Amino acid sequence: MVSNQNNIYKEEINRIQKSNIEVEKLLYNSAYTSNNFNKIPPIIGCLMADQYGNTLMIFEYDLKNQSNYGPIKSYLSEDEKTFLEIDLISMYFSSIKTFAGQTNIQNLSNLEIHGSNIKVLIFFLDDNYMIILFLNSNTELSKKEKKSIVEYFEDEIGKYQFELKYFNAAKSRKILYMLENKGNAWLKKLNRSYLENFKNSYLKKHEIIEELKCEIAPIIEKVLHEYFEYIQEDIVNDVSKEIQNQIQDTLFKFNTNSH
């Protein structure tokens, strides 16, 4: 008898756990799609250039790897007929650095450009190099993630100063090609890590907000009943739900990934 009760209890626990997993999966898939991560990866790619705008390395998704993501220029152009030359991008942003120097904008270390579909983060390193990150417009890199990205490139600069300075030399090109392959793998790992952190943060935020809703729902209903004493119950309930949904939407807009 006791054994049967234990089995029933275990089955019920397993059923609840499976149900929770399915709910979390649906929640994450909804957030993943609404942030357009199914079409544009969190970190589209990276471009490293010298101070003169010469492109040294490009990290991006390889179309041969069966992923849904394309190369950097596919997100910067409206169609294949008007693909923007990737080498021109670093020259554009190099001119911004030059402009800053000529207009007394001192110690320009980074720059952000926001669009509705993508945004660009630019880091200027040692006055000799710049790192250009192309991101999904919904991507919010934490300070820790930005620091990690900058340190990755600073480490490469420290190890391969000669190759980066004399990038057109045959030996240098071989080394830089190897570094690009390494960087492509790093980019994929970076995206996987970001999405994992995004998932955990989103589900935790959803859990906290649900708890808050449970706490404030009776308060909202009490206030509404006091102010709308003679209004039909179903109308008051609808207003209460609408207020709760507005609060939920507002709380979800807060960025908890800035640390």
C-alpha atoms as a PDB file:
ATOM      1  CA  MET A   1       0.000   0.000   0.000  1.00  0.00           C
ATOM      2  CA  VAL A   2       2.779   2.399   1.011  1.00  0.00           C
ATOM      3  CA  SER A   3       4.760   1.394  -2.073  1.00  0.00           C
ATOM      4  CA  ASN A   4       1.814   2.220  -4.365  1.00  0.00           C
ATOM      5  CA  GLN A   5       1.371   5.606  -2.707  1.00  0.00           C
ATOM      6  CA  ASN A   6       5.069   6.349  -3.210  1.00  0.00           C
ATOM      7  CA  ASN A   7       4.808   5.415  -6.892  1.00  0.00           C
ATOM      8  CA  ILE A   8       1.753   7.641  -7.344  1.00  0.00           C
ATOM      9  CA  TYR A   9       3.570  10.486  -5.584  1.00  0.00           C
ATOM     10  CA  LYS A  10       6.664  10.070  -7.821  1.00  0.00           C
ATOM     11  CA  GLU A  11       4.521   9.966 -10.952  1.00  0.00           C
ATOM     12  CA  GLU A  12       2.761  13.163  -9.913  1.00  0.00           C
ATOM     13  CA  ILE A  13       6.104  14.899  -9.233  1.00  0.00           C
ATOM     14  CA  ASN A  14       7.419  13.790 -12.638  1.00  0.00           C
ATOM     15  CA  ARG A  15       4.258  15.047 -14.325  1.00  0.00           C
ATOM     16  CA  ILE A  16       4.571  18.460 -12.661  1.00  0.00           C
ATOM     17  CA  GLN A  17       8.268  18.699 -13.547  1.00  0.00           C
ATOM     18  CA  LYS A  18       7.580  17.839 -17.198  1.00  0.00           C
ATOM     19  CA  SER A  19       4.776  20.384 -17.264  1.00  0.00           C
ATOM     20  CA  ASN A  20       7.085  23.076 -15.839  1.00  0.00           C
ATOM     21  CA  ILE A  21       9.750  22.254 -18.425  1.00  0.00           C
ATOM     22  CA  GLU A  22       7.224  22.594 -21.235  1.00  0.00           C
ATOM     23  CA  VAL A  23       6.012  25.942 -19.868  1.00  0.00           C
ATOM     24  CA  GLU A  24       9.593  27.227 -19.613  1.00  0.00           C
ATOM     25  CA  LYS A  25      10.280  26.044 -23.152  1.00  0.00           C
ATOM     26  CA  LEU A  26       7.234  27.883 -24.491  1.00  0.00           C
ATOM     27  CA  LEU A  27       8.155  31.040 -22.578  1.00  0.00           C
ATOM     28  CA  TYR A  28      11.740  30.988 -23.855  1.00  0.00           C
ATOM     29  CA  ASN A  29      10.725  30.268 -27.452  1.00  0.00           C
ATOM     30  CA  SER A  30       8.337  33.223 -27.305  1.00  0.00           C
ATOM     31  CA  ALA A  31      11.063  35.536 -25.978  1.00  0.00           C
ATOM     32  CA  TYR A  32      13.600  34.119 -28.479  1.00  0.00           C
ATOM     33  CA  THR A  33      11.288  34.868 -31.410  1.00  0.00           C
ATOM     34  CA  SER A  34      10.067  38.244 -30.167  1.00  0.00           C
ATOM     35  CA  ASN A  35      13.707  39.363 -29.935  1.00  0.00           C
ATOM     36  CA  ASN A  36      14.250  38.168 -33.500  1.00  0.00           C
ATOM     37  CA  PHE A  37      17.057  35.812 -32.446  1.00  0.00           C
ATOM     38  CA  ASN A  38      15.645  33.204 -34.820  1.00  0.00           C
ATOM     39  CA  LYS A  39      16.613  35.460 -37.760  1.00  0.00           C
ATOM     40  CA  ILE A  40      19.458  37.615 -36.458  1.00  0.00           C
ATOM     41  CA  PRO A  41      21.964  36.151 -33.957  1.00  0.00           C
ATOM     42  CA  PRO A  42      22.716  38.118 -30.783  1.00  0.00           C
ATOM     43  CA  ILE A  43      26.274  38.797 -32.001  1.00  0.00           C
ATOM     44  CA  ILE A  44      26.241  38.848 -35.807  1.00  0.00           C
ATOM     45  CA  GLY A  45      29.979  39.171 -36.225  1.00  0.00           C
ATOM     46  CA  CYS A  46      33.177  41.070 -35.417  1.00  0.00           C
ATOM     47  CA  LEU A  47      35.537  43.055 -37.585  1.00  0.00           C
ATOM     48  CA  MET A  48      39.039  44.043 -36.530  1.00  0.00           C
ATOM     49  CA  ALA A  49      40.813  46.880 -38.324  1.00  0.00           C
ATOM     50  CA  ASP A  50      43.826  49.121 -37.837  1.00  0.00           C
ATOM     51  CA  GLN A  51      43.654  52.866 -37.209  1.00  0.00           C
ATOM     52  CA  TYR A  52      43.713  53.575 -40.939  1.00  0.00           C
ATOM     53  CA  GLY A  53      40.645  51.457 -41.635  1.00  0.00           C
ATOM     54  CA  ASN A  54      42.446  48.431 -43.094  1.00  0.00           C
ATOM     55  CA  THR A  55      40.401  45.315 -42.326  1.00  0.00           C
ATOM     56  CA  LEU A  56      42.608  42.748 -40.588  1.00  0.00           C
ATOM     57  CA  MET A  57      40.197  40.003 -39.518  1.00  0.00           C
ATOM     58  CA  ILE A  58      36.495  39.195 -39.800  1.00  0.00           C
ATOM     59  CA  PHE A  59      34.654  36.774 -37.529  1.00  0.00           C
ATOM     60  CA  GLU A  60      31.259  35.696 -38.857  1.00  0.00           C
ATOM     61  CA  TYR A  61      28.997  32.720 -39.486  1.00  0.00           C
ATOM     62  CA  ASP A  62      29.975  30.366 -42.265  1.00  0.00           C
ATOM     63  CA  LEU A  63      27.085  29.694 -44.658  1.00  0.00           C
ATOM     64  CA  LYS A  64      28.366  26.123 -45.089  1.00  0.00           C
ATOM     65  CA  ASN A  65      27.652  25.181 -41.469  1.00  0.00           C
ATOM     66  CA  GLN A  66      23.885  24.696 -41.948  1.00  0.00           C
ATOM     67  CA  SER A  67      23.014  27.552 -39.557  1.00  0.00           C
ATOM     68  CA  ASN A  68      20.138  29.952 -40.185  1.00  0.00           C
ATOM     69  CA  TYR A  69      22.504  32.901 -39.953  1.00  0.00           C
ATOM     70  CA  GLY A  70      24.309  34.676 -42.766  1.00  0.00           C
ATOM     71  CA  PRO A  71      27.517  36.705 -43.088  1.00  0.00           C
ATOM     72  CA  ILE A  72      27.753  40.259 -41.751  1.00  0.00           C
ATOM     73  CA  LYS A  73      27.102  41.948 -45.091  1.00  0.00           C
ATOM     74  CA  SER A  74      23.821  40.071 -45.547  1.00  0.00           C
ATOM     75  CA  TYR A  75      22.412  42.083 -42.615  1.00  0.00           C
ATOM     76  CA  LEU A  76      23.839  45.390 -43.831  1.00  0.00           C
ATOM     77  CA  SER A  77      22.368  45.209 -47.341  1.00  0.00           C
ATOM     78  CA  GLU A  78      18.780  45.196 -48.531  1.00  0.00           C
ATOM     79  CA  ASP A  79      19.384  42.460 -51.097  1.00  0.00           C
ATOM     80  CA  GLU A  80      22.176  40.404 -52.660  1.00  0.00           C
ATOM     81  CA  LYS A  81      22.512  42.806 -55.603  1.00  0.00           C
ATOM     82  CA  THR A  82      23.510  45.666 -53.299  1.00  0.00           C
ATOM     83  CA  PHE A  83      25.819  43.842 -50.879  1.00  0.00           C
ATOM     84  CA  LEU A  84      27.998  46.344 -49.056  1.00  0.00           C
ATOM     85  CA  GLU A  85      31.708  45.650 -49.362  1.00  0.00           C
ATOM     86  CA  ILE A  86      32.824  44.571 -45.908  1.00  0.00           C
ATOM     87  CA  ASP A  87      36.228  46.246 -46.291  1.00  0.00           C
ATOM     88  CA  LEU A  88      34.574  49.642 -46.644  1.00  0.00           C
ATOM     89  CA  ILE A  89      32.937  49.420 -43.218  1.00  0.00           C
ATOM     90  CA  SER A  90      36.164  49.798 -41.248  1.00  0.00           C
ATOM     91  CA  MET A  91      37.123  52.796 -43.384  1.00  0.00           C
ATOM     92  CA  TYR A  92      33.835  54.534 -42.517  1.00  0.00           C
ATOM     93  CA  PHE A  93      34.347  54.089 -38.782  1.00  0.00           C
ATOM     94  CA  SER A  94      38.039  54.956 -38.982  1.00  0.00           C
ATOM     95  CA  SER A  95      37.015  58.383 -40.273  1.00  0.00           C
ATOM     96  CA  ILE A  96      34.919  58.860 -37.101  1.00  0.00           C
ATOM     97  CA  LYS A  97      38.021  58.305 -34.983  1.00  0.00           C
ATOM     98  CA  THR A  98      39.904  60.825 -37.120  1.00  0.00           C
ATOM     99  CA  PHE A  99      37.022  63.297 -36.805  1.00  0.00           C
ATOM    100  CA  ALA A 100      37.048  62.912 -33.017  1.00  0.00           C
ATOM    101  CA  GLY A 101      40.741  63.728 -32.901  1.00  0.00           C
ATOM    102  CA  GLN A 102      40.308  66.813 -35.053  1.00  0.00           C
ATOM    103  CA  THR A 103      37.391  68.165 -32.988  1.00  0.00           C
ATOM    104  CA  ASN A 104      38.999  67.776 -29.561  1.00  0.00           C
ATOM    105  CA  ILE A 105      36.880  64.766 -28.523  1.00  0.00           C
ATOM    106  CA  GLN A 106      39.466  63.285 -26.224  1.00  0.00           C
ATOM    107  CA  ASN A 107      40.052  59.630 -25.300  1.00  0.00           C
ATOM    108  CA  LEU A 108      37.325  58.188 -27.530  1.00  0.00           C
ATOM    109  CA  SER A 109      37.254  54.566 -26.345  1.00  0.00           C
ATOM    110  CA  ASN A 110      33.967  53.278 -27.753  1.00  0.00           C
ATOM    111  CA  LEU A 111      30.965  54.215 -29.830  1.00  0.00           C
ATOM    112  CA  GLU A 112      27.453  52.787 -30.241  1.00  0.00           C
ATOM    113  CA  ILE A 113      25.098  53.110 -33.206  1.00  0.00           C
ATOM    114  CA  HIS A 114      21.531  51.860 -32.721  1.00  0.00           C
ATOM    115  CA  GLY A 115      19.144  50.800 -35.487  1.00  0.00           C
ATOM    116  CA  SER A 116      15.777  49.065 -35.432  1.00  0.00           C
ATOM    117  CA  ASN A 117      17.241  45.800 -36.777  1.00  0.00           C
ATOM    118  CA  ILE A 118      20.935  45.874 -35.846  1.00  0.00           C
ATOM    119  CA  LYS A 119      23.278  47.970 -33.769  1.00  0.00           C
ATOM    120  CA  VAL A 120      27.014  48.498 -33.861  1.00  0.00           C
ATOM    121  CA  LEU A 121      29.501  48.664 -30.987  1.00  0.00           C
ATOM    122  CA  ILE A 122      32.957  50.023 -31.745  1.00  0.00           C
ATOM    123  CA  PHE A 123      35.927  49.751 -29.383  1.00  0.00           C
ATOM    124  CA  PHE A 124      39.126  51.703 -30.072  1.00  0.00           C
ATOM    125  CA  LEU A 125      42.169  49.889 -28.648  1.00  0.00           C
ATOM    126  CA  ASP A 126      45.598  51.415 -28.036  1.00  0.00           C
ATOM    127  CA  ASP A 127      44.967  54.113 -30.683  1.00  0.00           C
ATOM    128  CA  ASN A 128      46.073  51.532 -33.246  1.00  0.00           C
ATOM    129  CA  TYR A 129      43.128  49.179 -33.651  1.00  0.00           C
ATOM    130  CA  MET A 130      39.364  49.145 -33.575  1.00  0.00           C
ATOM    131  CA  ILE A 131      36.948  46.296 -32.963  1.00  0.00           C
ATOM    132  CA  ILE A 132      33.549  46.593 -34.649  1.00  0.00           C
ATOM    133  CA  LEU A 133      30.755  44.404 -33.264  1.00  0.00           C
ATOM    134  CA  PHE A 134      27.528  43.932 -35.205  1.00  0.00           C
ATOM    135  CA  LEU A 135      24.645  42.964 -32.927  1.00  0.00           C
ATOM    136  CA  ASN A 136      20.978  42.158 -33.053  1.00  0.00           C
ATOM    137  CA  SER A 137      19.243  45.392 -31.997  1.00  0.00           C
ATOM    138  CA  ASN A 138      17.734  43.534 -29.005  1.00  0.00           C
ATOM    139  CA  THR A 139      21.092  42.300 -27.731  1.00  0.00           C
ATOM    140  CA  GLU A 140      22.128  43.832 -24.406  1.00  0.00           C
ATOM    141  CA  LEU A 141      25.701  42.914 -23.581  1.00  0.00           C
ATOM    142  CA  SER A 142      26.612  43.094 -19.903  1.00  0.00           C
ATOM    143  CA  LYS A 143      29.727  44.936 -18.744  1.00  0.00           C
ATOM    144  CA  LYS A 144      31.291  41.546 -18.068  1.00  0.00           C
ATOM    145  CA  GLU A 145      30.571  40.355 -21.623  1.00  0.00           C
ATOM    146  CA  LYS A 146      31.958  43.558 -23.161  1.00  0.00           C
ATOM    147  CA  LYS A 147      35.076  43.269 -21.019  1.00  0.00           C
ATOM    148  CA  SER A 148      35.526  39.647 -22.090  1.00  0.00           C
ATOM    149  CA  ILE A 149      35.255  40.570 -25.784  1.00  0.00           C
ATOM    150  CA  VAL A 150      37.754  43.421 -25.492  1.00  0.00           C
ATOM    151  CA  GLU A 151      40.177  41.202 -23.554  1.00  0.00           C
ATOM    152  CA  TYR A 152      39.960  38.529 -26.271  1.00  0.00           C
ATOM    153  CA  PHE A 153      41.186  40.986 -28.895  1.00  0.00           C
ATOM    154  CA  GLU A 154      43.742  42.600 -26.586  1.00  0.00           C
ATOM    155  CA  ASP A 155      45.213  39.136 -26.037  1.00  0.00           C
ATOM    156  CA  GLU A 156      45.433  38.524 -29.805  1.00  0.00           C
ATOM    157  CA  ILE A 157      47.034  41.935 -30.337  1.00  0.00           C
ATOM    158  CA  GLY A 158      49.642  41.164 -27.679  1.00  0.00           C
ATOM    159  CA  LYS A 159      50.504  37.808 -29.260  1.00  0.00           C
ATOM    160  CA  TYR A 160      50.506  38.811 -32.937  1.00  0.00           C
ATOM    161  CA  GLN A 161      51.786  42.388 -33.095  1.00  0.00           C
ATOM    162  CA  PHE A 162      54.054  41.699 -36.069  1.00  0.00           C
ATOM    163  CA  GLU A 163      51.398  39.913 -38.123  1.00  0.00           C
ATOM    164  CA  LEU A 164      48.826  42.658 -37.474  1.00  0.00           C
ATOM    165  CA  LYS A 165      51.268  45.433 -38.332  1.00  0.00           C
ATOM    166  CA  TYR A 166      52.523  43.755 -41.519  1.00  0.00           C
ATOM    167  CA  PHE A 167      49.189  42.171 -42.427  1.00  0.00           C
ATOM    168  CA  ASN A 168      49.889  42.003 -46.166  1.00  0.00           C
ATOM    169  CA  ALA A 169      52.946  39.785 -45.785  1.00  0.00           C
ATOM    170  CA  ALA A 170      52.386  36.213 -46.995  1.00  0.00           C
ATOM    171  CA  LYS A 171      53.315  34.699 -43.626  1.00  0.00           C
ATOM    172  CA  SER A 172      51.070  37.173 -41.825  1.00  0.00           C
ATOM    173  CA  ARG A 173      48.094  36.323 -44.024  1.00  0.00           C
ATOM    174  CA  LYS A 174      48.426  32.641 -43.111  1.00  0.00           C
ATOM    175  CA  ILE A 175      48.496  33.461 -39.406  1.00  0.00           C
ATOM    176  CA  LEU A 176      45.543  35.868 -39.690  1.00  0.00           C
ATOM    177  CA  TYR A 177      43.558  33.243 -41.626  1.00  0.00           C
ATOM    178  CA  MET A 178      44.170  30.809 -38.779  1.00  0.00           C
ATOM    179  CA  LEU A 179      43.061  33.449 -36.272  1.00  0.00           C
ATOM    180  CA  GLU A 180      39.884  34.068 -38.262  1.00  0.00           C
ATOM    181  CA  ASN A 181      38.965  30.373 -38.096  1.00  0.00           C
ATOM    182  CA  LYS A 182      39.640  30.426 -34.375  1.00  0.00           C
ATOM    183  CA  GLY A 183      37.568  33.610 -34.080  1.00  0.00           C
ATOM    184  CA  ASN A 184      34.624  32.091 -35.951  1.00  0.00           C
ATOM    185  CA  ALA A 185      34.501  29.258 -33.410  1.00  0.00           C
ATOM    186  CA  TRP A 186      34.791  31.811 -30.576  1.00  0.00           C
ATOM    187  CA  LEU A 187      31.900  33.803 -32.076  1.00  0.00           C
ATOM    188  CA  LYS A 188      29.596  30.769 -32.064  1.00  0.00           C
ATOM    189  CA  LYS A 189      30.572  29.972 -28.471  1.00  0.00           C
ATOM    190  CA  LEU A 190      29.927  33.616 -27.542  1.00  0.00           C
ATOM    191  CA  ASN A 191      26.435  33.449 -29.029  1.00  0.00           C
ATOM    192  CA  ARG A 192      25.630  30.181 -27.274  1.00  0.00           C
ATOM    193  CA  SER A 193      26.768  31.672 -23.980  1.00  0.00           C
ATOM    194  CA  TYR A 194      24.723  34.831 -24.520  1.00  0.00           C
ATOM    195  CA  LEU A 195      21.557  32.873 -25.347  1.00  0.00           C
ATOM    196  CA  GLU A 196      22.020  30.642 -22.302  1.00  0.00           C
ATOM    197  CA  ASN A 197      22.390  33.709 -20.059  1.00  0.00           C
ATOM    198  CA  PHE A 198      19.433  35.341 -21.794  1.00  0.00           C
ATOM    199  CA  LYS A 199      17.286  32.260 -21.168  1.00  0.00           C
ATOM    200  CA  ASN A 200      18.199  32.006 -17.488  1.00  0.00           C
ATOM    201  CA  SER A 201      17.712  35.737 -16.945  1.00  0.00           C
ATOM    202  CA  TYR A 202      14.373  35.792 -18.764  1.00  0.00           C
ATOM    203  CA  LEU A 203      12.936  32.805 -16.904  1.00  0.00           C
ATOM    204  CA  LYS A 204      14.142  34.179 -13.555  1.00  0.00           C
ATOM    205  CA  LYS A 205      12.619  37.563 -14.340  1.00  0.00           C
ATOM    206  CA  HIS A 206       9.342  35.881 -15.351  1.00  0.00           C
ATOM    207  CA  GLU A 207       9.300  33.924 -12.072  1.00  0.00           C
ATOM    208  CA  ILE A 208       9.866  37.075  -9.993  1.00  0.00           C
ATOM    209  CA  ILE A 209       7.237  39.060 -11.896  1.00  0.00           C
ATOM    210  CA  GLU A 210       4.672  36.274 -11.479  1.00  0.00           C
ATOM    211  CA  GLU A 211       5.304  36.323  -7.733  1.00  0.00           C
ATOM    212  CA  LEU A 212       4.881  40.112  -7.688  1.00  0.00           C
ATOM    213  CA  LYS A 213       1.641  39.847  -9.654  1.00  0.00           C
ATOM    214  CA  CYS A 214       0.249  37.410  -7.116  1.00  0.00           C
ATOM    215  CA  GLU A 215       1.089  39.860  -4.343  1.00  0.00           C
ATOM    216  CA  ILE A 216      -0.270  43.007  -5.983  1.00  0.00           C
ATOM    217  CA  ALA A 217      -3.386  41.461  -7.595  1.00  0.00           C
ATOM    218  CA  PRO A 218      -5.460  41.544  -4.339  1.00  0.00           C
ATOM    219  CA  ILE A 219      -4.319  45.141  -3.711  1.00  0.00           C
ATOM    220  CA  ILE A 220      -5.364  46.258  -7.189  1.00  0.00           C
ATOM    221  CA  GLU A 221      -8.738  44.530  -6.912  1.00  0.00           C
ATOM    222  CA  LYS A 222      -9.368  46.047  -3.465  1.00  0.00           C
ATOM    223  CA  VAL A 223      -8.628  49.576  -4.700  1.00  0.00           C
ATOM    224  CA  LEU A 224     -10.776  49.121  -7.805  1.00  0.00           C
ATOM    225  CA  HIS A 225     -13.709  47.848  -5.761  1.00  0.00           C
ATOM    226  CA  GLU A 226     -13.398  50.869  -3.471  1.00  0.00           C
ATOM    227  CA  TYR A 227     -13.401  53.377  -6.319  1.00  0.00           C
ATOM    228  CA  PHE A 228     -15.839  51.547  -8.597  1.00  0.00           C
ATOM    229  CA  GLU A 229     -18.275  50.208  -6.066  1.00  0.00           C
ATOM    230  CA  TYR A 230     -21.255  50.085  -8.410  1.00  0.00           C
ATOM    231  CA  ILE A 231     -19.463  48.803 -11.516  1.00  0.00           C
ATOM    232  CA  GLN A 232     -20.137  45.236 -12.675  1.00  0.00           C
ATOM    233  CA  GLU A 233     -17.773  42.624 -11.266  1.00  0.00           C
ATOM    234  CA  ASP A 234     -16.611  41.345 -14.665  1.00  0.00           C
ATOM    235  CA  ILE A 235     -15.650  44.883 -15.749  1.00  0.00           C
ATOM    236  CA  VAL A 236     -13.638  45.421 -12.571  1.00  0.00           C
ATOM    237  CA  ASN A 237     -11.898  42.094 -13.128  1.00  0.00           C
ATOM    238  CA  ASP A 238     -11.039  43.030 -16.717  1.00  0.00           C
ATOM    239  CA  VAL A 239      -9.592  46.368 -15.587  1.00  0.00           C
ATOM    240  CA  SER A 240      -7.608  44.609 -12.866  1.00  0.00           C
ATOM    241  CA  LYS A 241      -6.111  42.152 -15.372  1.00  0.00           C
ATOM    242  CA  GLU A 242      -5.264  44.984 -17.764  1.00  0.00           C
ATOM    243  CA  ILE A 243      -3.440  46.894 -15.015  1.00  0.00           C
ATOM    244  CA  GLN A 244      -1.526  43.760 -14.033  1.00  0.00           C
ATOM    245  CA  ASN A 245      -0.533  43.166 -17.658  1.00  0.00           C
ATOM    246  CA  GLN A 246       0.665  46.771 -17.994  1.00  0.00           C
ATOM    247  CA  ILE A 247       2.761  46.403 -14.857  1.00  0.00           C
ATOM    248  CA  GLN A 248       4.176  43.123 -16.153  1.00  0.00           C
ATOM    249  CA  ASP A 249       5.114  44.679 -19.517  1.00  0.00           C
ATOM    250  CA  THR A 250       6.794  47.609 -17.776  1.00  0.00           C
ATOM    251  CA  LEU A 251       8.814  45.362 -15.469  1.00  0.00           C
ATOM    252  CA  PHE A 252       9.970  43.227 -18.401  1.00  0.00           C
ATOM    253  CA  LYS A 253      11.431  46.320 -20.066  1.00  0.00           C
ATOM    254  CA  PHE A 254      13.912  46.788 -17.258  1.00  0.00           C
ATOM    255  CA  ASN A 255      17.352  45.527 -18.278  1.00  0.00           C
ATOM    256  CA  THR A 256      18.822  43.217 -15.634  1.00  0.00           C
ATOM    257  CA  ASN A 257      21.813  42.333 -17.819  1.00  0.00           C
ATOM    258  CA  SER A 258      23.844  45.516 -17.324  1.00  0.00           C
ATOM    259  CA  HIS A 259      26.194  44.250 -14.629  1.00  0.00           C
END
